[in-house]
Amino acid sequence: MHETIERMMEVVAKGDDTKIAGLLAEDVRFLPPTYWATWTGRAPVAAVLGHVGKVFSDFRYRRVMGEGKDWALEFQCRIGDLDAVGVDLITLNDAGLIETFEVAMRPLKSVTALREAMNARVQTDPRFLEYRKALS
């Protein structure tokens, strides 16, 4: 397994955006499961993933598939009292950093709960005022 993928599996669930940032390319793209938009850039993507790590509980990766630059990591977690499963689709750049991070999840009620929890968290994080301007 690629060392970036191994390290990502260790740090993402902990929600420490400073450790997550070191795994991301400067121009990383994050495609969340909660709405049709793309977050771009190391700082905003690390911040989003840091918050996700705090919203999820009982997070664990169940299967890892891939090689080279392309990886799929199946996970399970809880969001409040709801169960969820999903897949992180990761593409690494030539330097071995994450350049694309896309998440697919189910069921819908869990994705909705994730969106609500994330909206509540980011509204209290002043960094997101700037990040949202850049997203628009």
Protein backbone atom coordinates (compact mmCIF):
# COMPACT_ATOMS: atom_id res chain seq x y z
CA MET A 1 0.00 0.00 0.00
CA HIS A 2 1.19 3.54 -0.72
CA GLU A 3 2.55 5.37 2.35
CA THR A 4 0.25 8.38 1.78
CA ILE A 5 -2.80 6.09 1.85
CA GLU A 6 -1.55 4.36 5.02
CA ARG A 7 -0.96 7.71 6.73
CA MET A 8 -4.32 9.08 5.56
CA MET A 9 -6.08 6.09 7.11
CA GLU A 10 -4.39 6.94 10.43
CA VAL A 11 -5.13 10.68 10.54
CA VAL A 12 -8.43 11.40 8.75
CA ALA A 13 -10.67 9.82 11.40
CA LYS A 14 -8.90 11.80 14.13
CA GLY A 15 -9.94 15.11 12.60
CA ASP A 16 -6.53 16.80 12.98
CA ASP A 17 -6.41 19.14 9.99
CA THR A 18 -2.72 19.94 10.57
CA LYS A 19 -1.77 16.29 10.00
CA ILE A 20 -4.19 15.94 7.09
CA ALA A 21 -2.75 19.02 5.33
CA GLY A 22 0.66 17.39 4.94
CA LEU A 23 -0.88 14.63 2.82
CA LEU A 24 -2.61 17.00 0.39
CA ALA A 25 -1.30 18.55 -2.80
CA GLU A 26 -1.39 22.36 -2.82
CA ASP A 27 -4.15 22.30 -5.49
CA VAL A 28 -6.07 19.31 -4.07
CA ARG A 29 -9.73 18.96 -5.06
CA PHE A 30 -12.31 17.59 -2.60
CA LEU A 31 -15.74 16.45 -3.82
CA PRO A 32 -18.04 15.92 -0.80
CA PRO A 33 -21.03 13.58 -0.64
CA THR A 34 -23.36 16.27 0.71
CA TYR A 35 -23.67 18.65 -2.28
CA TRP A 36 -22.47 19.19 -5.81
CA ALA A 37 -19.45 21.42 -5.38
CA THR A 38 -15.70 21.09 -5.22
CA TRP A 39 -13.45 22.44 -2.50
CA THR A 40 -10.02 23.34 -3.90
CA GLY A 41 -6.76 24.00 -2.09
CA ARG A 42 -4.82 22.47 0.77
CA ALA A 43 -6.04 24.72 3.59
CA PRO A 44 -9.80 24.54 2.90
CA VAL A 45 -9.77 20.80 2.15
CA ALA A 46 -7.77 20.05 5.30
CA ALA A 47 -10.23 22.14 7.32
CA VAL A 48 -13.25 20.33 5.85
CA LEU A 49 -11.71 16.91 6.45
CA GLY A 50 -10.77 17.95 9.98
CA HIS A 51 -14.40 18.77 10.74
CA VAL A 52 -15.61 15.52 9.14
CA GLY A 53 -13.29 13.60 11.45
CA LYS A 54 -15.05 15.20 14.40
CA VAL A 55 -18.59 14.56 13.07
CA PHE A 56 -18.00 10.86 12.37
CA SER A 57 -17.81 8.40 15.24
CA ASP A 58 -16.81 4.74 15.22
CA PHE A 59 -15.04 5.42 11.93
CA ARG A 60 -13.02 2.63 10.38
CA TYR A 61 -11.85 1.59 6.96
CA ARG A 62 -13.18 -1.84 5.95
CA ARG A 63 -11.43 -2.42 2.64
CA VAL A 64 -8.70 -0.77 0.63
CA MET A 65 -8.44 -1.31 -3.10
CA GLY A 66 -6.02 0.19 -5.55
CA GLU A 67 -2.47 0.63 -6.65
CA GLY A 68 -0.24 3.32 -8.03
CA LYS A 69 -2.12 6.62 -8.08
CA ASP A 70 -5.72 5.37 -7.83
CA TRP A 71 -7.29 4.13 -4.57
CA ALA A 72 -10.74 3.28 -3.20
CA LEU A 73 -11.14 3.02 0.57
CA GLU A 74 -14.44 1.65 1.84
CA PHE A 75 -15.42 2.92 5.29
CA GLN A 76 -18.16 2.67 7.87
CA CYS A 77 -19.05 5.15 10.59
CA ARG A 78 -21.81 6.69 12.64
CA ILE A 79 -23.21 10.18 12.38
CA GLY A 80 -25.08 10.74 15.62
CA ASP A 81 -27.23 7.63 15.99
CA LEU A 82 -27.19 6.79 12.26
CA ASP A 83 -24.99 4.23 10.52
CA ALA A 84 -23.30 5.08 7.24
CA VAL A 85 -21.00 3.45 4.73
CA GLY A 86 -19.02 5.09 2.01
CA VAL A 87 -16.02 5.09 -0.25
CA ASP A 88 -13.15 7.54 -0.43
CA LEU A 89 -11.91 7.73 -4.02
CA ILE A 90 -8.35 9.01 -3.91
CA THR A 91 -6.00 10.02 -6.71
CA LEU A 92 -2.37 10.77 -5.90
CA ASN A 93 -0.15 13.11 -7.89
CA ASP A 94 3.38 12.33 -9.09
CA ALA A 95 4.80 13.45 -5.73
CA GLY A 96 2.54 10.96 -3.90
CA LEU A 97 0.24 13.61 -2.42
CA ILE A 98 -3.54 13.51 -2.62
CA GLU A 99 -4.69 15.54 -5.64
CA THR A 100 -8.33 14.38 -5.75
CA PHE A 101 -10.47 13.17 -2.84
CA GLU A 102 -14.05 12.24 -3.70
CA VAL A 103 -16.53 10.72 -1.24
CA ALA A 104 -19.63 8.65 -2.00
CA MET A 105 -21.91 7.66 0.93
CA ARG A 106 -25.20 6.05 1.82
CA PRO A 107 -27.92 5.98 3.10
CA LEU A 108 -29.47 9.34 2.29
CA LYS A 109 -30.62 10.04 5.86
CA SER A 110 -27.02 9.66 7.07
CA VAL A 111 -25.70 11.95 4.33
CA THR A 112 -28.36 14.50 5.30
CA ALA A 113 -27.29 14.24 8.96
CA LEU A 114 -23.66 14.74 7.89
CA ARG A 115 -24.59 17.86 5.92
CA GLU A 116 -26.49 19.31 8.89
CA ALA A 117 -23.66 18.56 11.32
CA MET A 118 -21.03 19.98 8.98
CA ASN A 119 -23.05 23.15 8.36
CA ALA A 120 -23.35 23.68 12.12
CA ARG A 121 -19.59 23.19 12.60
CA VAL A 122 -18.37 25.39 9.76
CA GLN A 123 -20.65 28.26 10.81
CA THR A 124 -18.56 28.51 13.98
CA ASP A 125 -15.22 28.30 12.13
CA PRO A 126 -14.14 31.75 10.87
CA ARG A 127 -11.84 30.20 8.24
CA PHE A 128 -14.90 29.16 6.25
CA LEU A 129 -16.02 32.70 5.50
CA GLU A 130 -12.91 33.06 3.31
CA TYR A 131 -13.13 29.51 1.93
CA ARG A 132 -16.75 29.99 0.86
CA LYS A 133 -15.84 33.19 -0.99
CA ALA A 134 -13.22 31.23 -2.91
CA LEU A 135 -15.75 28.46 -3.65
CA SER A 136 -18.29 30.87 -5.15
